[in-house]
Amino acid sequence: MNIKVVLEPSEEGGYTVDVPSLPGCISEGETIEEALTNIQ
């Protein structure tokens, strides 16, 4: 299943990722790859 996510650079460094279709489903990581892995 593919779900749309929004990936943004964080002001503190690293990246924040959230799932618009799942309110409150937010994660973060130091790299893009880590952030995407964490949101899974």
PDB file of N, CA and C in Angstrom:
ATOM      1  N   MET A   1       0.837  -1.174   0.000  1.00  0.00           N
ATOM      2  CA  MET A   1       0.000   0.000   0.000  1.00  0.00           C
ATOM      3  C   MET A   1       0.884   1.240   0.000  1.00  0.00           C
ATOM      4  N   ASN A   2       0.587   2.177  -0.863  1.00  0.00           N
ATOM      5  CA  ASN A   2       1.324   3.434  -0.908  1.00  0.00           C
ATOM      6  C   ASN A   2       0.498   4.524  -0.248  1.00  0.00           C
ATOM      7  N   ILE A   3       1.135   5.272   0.643  1.00  0.00           N
ATOM      8  CA  ILE A   3       0.479   6.377   1.344  1.00  0.00           C
ATOM      9  C   ILE A   3       1.337   7.613   1.162  1.00  0.00           C
ATOM     10  N   LYS A   4       0.701   8.735   0.849  1.00  0.00           N
ATOM     11  CA  LYS A   4       1.408   9.996   0.661  1.00  0.00           C
ATOM     12  C   LYS A   4       1.927  10.508   2.003  1.00  0.00           C
ATOM     13  N   VAL A   5       3.205  10.908   2.012  1.00  0.00           N
ATOM     14  CA  VAL A   5       3.808  11.525   3.194  1.00  0.00           C
ATOM     15  C   VAL A   5       4.384  12.877   2.808  1.00  0.00           C
ATOM     16  N   VAL A   6       4.540  13.738   3.802  1.00  0.00           N
ATOM     17  CA  VAL A   6       5.148  15.056   3.598  1.00  0.00           C
ATOM     18  C   VAL A   6       6.450  15.091   4.388  1.00  0.00           C
ATOM     19  N   LEU A   7       7.530  15.357   3.694  1.00  0.00           N
ATOM     20  CA  LEU A   7       8.864  15.375   4.285  1.00  0.00           C
ATOM     21  C   LEU A   7       9.390  16.799   4.240  1.00  0.00           C
ATOM     22  N   GLU A   8       9.801  17.326   5.411  1.00  0.00           N
ATOM     23  CA  GLU A   8      10.293  18.701   5.493  1.00  0.00           C
ATOM     24  C   GLU A   8      11.571  18.755   6.324  1.00  0.00           C
ATOM     25  N   PRO A   9      12.496  19.628   5.950  1.00  0.00           N
ATOM     26  CA  PRO A   9      13.670  19.835   6.805  1.00  0.00           C
ATOM     27  C   PRO A   9      13.222  20.454   8.133  1.00  0.00           C
ATOM     28  N   SER A  10      13.808  20.004   9.212  1.00  0.00           N
ATOM     29  CA  SER A  10      13.482  20.527  10.539  1.00  0.00           C
ATOM     30  C   SER A  10      14.405  21.697  10.872  1.00  0.00           C
ATOM     31  N   GLU A  11      13.884  22.661  11.607  1.00  0.00           N
ATOM     32  CA  GLU A  11      14.702  23.828  11.989  1.00  0.00           C
ATOM     33  C   GLU A  11      15.884  23.420  12.864  1.00  0.00           C
ATOM     34  N   GLU A  12      15.723  22.359  13.648  1.00  0.00           N
ATOM     35  CA  GLU A  12      16.783  21.901  14.547  1.00  0.00           C
ATOM     36  C   GLU A  12      17.786  20.993  13.850  1.00  0.00           C
ATOM     37  N   GLY A  13      17.528  20.689  12.590  1.00  0.00           N
ATOM     38  CA  GLY A  13      18.352  19.748  11.846  1.00  0.00           C
ATOM     39  C   GLY A  13      17.593  18.454  11.648  1.00  0.00           C
ATOM     40  N   GLY A  14      17.942  17.713  10.668  1.00  0.00           N
ATOM     41  CA  GLY A  14      17.235  16.484  10.366  1.00  0.00           C
ATOM     42  C   GLY A  14      15.962  16.773   9.582  1.00  0.00           C
ATOM     43  N   TYR A  15      15.028  15.821   9.610  1.00  0.00           N
ATOM     44  CA  TYR A  15      13.804  15.929   8.823  1.00  0.00           C
ATOM     45  C   TYR A  15      12.602  15.490   9.633  1.00  0.00           C
ATOM     46  N   THR A  16      11.479  16.126   9.370  1.00  0.00           N
ATOM     47  CA  THR A  16      10.196  15.745   9.944  1.00  0.00           C
ATOM     48  C   THR A  16       9.337  15.195   8.822  1.00  0.00           C
ATOM     49  N   VAL A  17       8.611  14.127   9.111  1.00  0.00           N
ATOM     50  CA  VAL A  17       7.745  13.507   8.113  1.00  0.00           C
ATOM     51  C   VAL A  17       6.384  13.241   8.756  1.00  0.00           C
ATOM     52  N   ASP A  18       5.311  13.540   8.017  1.00  0.00           N
ATOM     53  CA  ASP A  18       3.987  13.248   8.528  1.00  0.00           C
ATOM     54  C   ASP A  18       3.104  12.684   7.425  1.00  0.00           C
ATOM     55  N   VAL A  19       2.011  12.054   7.859  1.00  0.00           N
ATOM     56  CA  VAL A  19       1.063  11.424   6.947  1.00  0.00           C
ATOM     57  C   VAL A  19      -0.238  12.224   7.021  1.00  0.00           C
ATOM     58  N   PRO A  20      -0.535  13.036   5.994  1.00  0.00           N
ATOM     59  CA  PRO A  20      -1.729  13.880   6.038  1.00  0.00           C
ATOM     60  C   PRO A  20      -3.029  13.091   6.230  1.00  0.00           C
ATOM     61  N   SER A  21      -3.120  11.875   5.709  1.00  0.00           N
ATOM     62  CA  SER A  21      -4.347  11.095   5.833  1.00  0.00           C
ATOM     63  C   SER A  21      -4.512  10.450   7.211  1.00  0.00           C
ATOM     64  N   LEU A  22      -3.460  10.523   8.049  1.00  0.00           N
ATOM     65  CA  LEU A  22      -3.505   9.973   9.404  1.00  0.00           C
ATOM     66  C   LEU A  22      -3.104  11.066  10.394  1.00  0.00           C
ATOM     67  N   PRO A  23      -4.047  11.899  10.809  1.00  0.00           N
ATOM     68  CA  PRO A  23      -3.723  13.007  11.721  1.00  0.00           C
ATOM     69  C   PRO A  23      -2.966  12.526  12.957  1.00  0.00           C
ATOM     70  N   GLY A  24      -1.898  13.233  13.266  1.00  0.00           N
ATOM     71  CA  GLY A  24      -1.078  12.897  14.421  1.00  0.00           C
ATOM     72  C   GLY A  24       0.016  11.887  14.139  1.00  0.00           C
ATOM     73  N   CYS A  25       0.068  11.351  12.932  1.00  0.00           N
ATOM     74  CA  CYS A  25       1.110  10.390  12.562  1.00  0.00           C
ATOM     75  C   CYS A  25       2.317  11.176  12.054  1.00  0.00           C
ATOM     76  N   ILE A  26       3.258  11.419  12.962  1.00  0.00           N
ATOM     77  CA  ILE A  26       4.430  12.255  12.678  1.00  0.00           C
ATOM     78  C   ILE A  26       5.666  11.530  13.197  1.00  0.00           C
ATOM     79  N   SER A  27       6.759  11.645  12.461  1.00  0.00           N
ATOM     80  CA  SER A  27       8.023  11.080  12.904  1.00  0.00           C
ATOM     81  C   SER A  27       9.145  11.995  12.432  1.00  0.00           C
ATOM     82  N   GLU A  28      10.367  11.629  12.776  1.00  0.00           N
ATOM     83  CA  GLU A  28      11.515  12.427  12.355  1.00  0.00           C
ATOM     84  C   GLU A  28      12.746  11.553  12.272  1.00  0.00           C
ATOM     85  N   GLY A  29      13.786  12.092  11.652  1.00  0.00           N
ATOM     86  CA  GLY A  29      15.047  11.387  11.527  1.00  0.00           C
ATOM     87  C   GLY A  29      16.152  12.345  11.151  1.00  0.00           C
ATOM     88  N   GLU A  30      17.379  11.923  11.354  1.00  0.00           N
ATOM     89  CA  GLU A  30      18.538  12.751  11.031  1.00  0.00           C
ATOM     90  C   GLU A  30      18.748  12.862   9.528  1.00  0.00           C
ATOM     91  N   THR A  31      18.360  11.828   8.782  1.00  0.00           N
ATOM     92  CA  THR A  31      18.490  11.832   7.327  1.00  0.00           C
ATOM     93  C   THR A  31      17.115  11.563   6.720  1.00  0.00           C
ATOM     94  N   ILE A  32      16.987  11.796   5.413  1.00  0.00           N
ATOM     95  CA  ILE A  32      15.736  11.496   4.724  1.00  0.00           C
ATOM     96  C   ILE A  32      15.406  10.011   4.859  1.00  0.00           C
ATOM     97  N   GLU A  33      16.397   9.167   4.646  1.00  0.00           N
ATOM     98  CA  GLU A  33      16.191   7.720   4.734  1.00  0.00           C
ATOM     99  C   GLU A  33      15.720   7.298   6.120  1.00  0.00           C
ATOM    100  N   GLU A  34      16.329   7.861   7.162  1.00  0.00           N
ATOM    101  CA  GLU A  34      15.946   7.528   8.534  1.00  0.00           C
ATOM    102  C   GLU A  34      14.527   7.996   8.822  1.00  0.00           C
ATOM    103  N   ALA A  35      14.172   9.191   8.387  1.00  0.00           N
ATOM    104  CA  ALA A  35      12.830   9.706   8.608  1.00  0.00           C
ATOM    105  C   ALA A  35      11.784   8.832   7.921  1.00  0.00           C
ATOM    106  N   LEU A  36      12.047   8.411   6.693  1.00  0.00           N
ATOM    107  CA  LEU A  36      11.112   7.558   5.978  1.00  0.00           C
ATOM    108  C   LEU A  36      11.006   6.178   6.613  1.00  0.00           C
ATOM    109  N   THR A  37      12.111   5.651   7.086  1.00  0.00           N
ATOM    110  CA  THR A  37      12.083   4.361   7.791  1.00  0.00           C
ATOM    111  C   THR A  37      11.281   4.478   9.078  1.00  0.00           C
ATOM    112  N   ASN A  38      11.466   5.556   9.819  1.00  0.00           N
ATOM    113  CA  ASN A  38      10.767   5.734  11.094  1.00  0.00           C
ATOM    114  C   ASN A  38       9.258   5.889  10.907  1.00  0.00           C
ATOM    115  N   ILE A  39       8.810   6.512   9.838  1.00  0.00           N
ATOM    116  CA  ILE A  39       7.375   6.706   9.635  1.00  0.00           C
ATOM    117  C   ILE A  39       6.686   5.407   9.252  1.00  0.00           C
ATOM    118  N   GLN A  40       7.446   4.458   8.728  1.00  0.00           N
ATOM    119  CA  GLN A  40       6.855   3.168   8.360  1.00  0.00           C
ATOM    120  C   GLN A  40       6.466   2.406   9.604  1.00  0.00           C
TER     121      GLN A  40
END
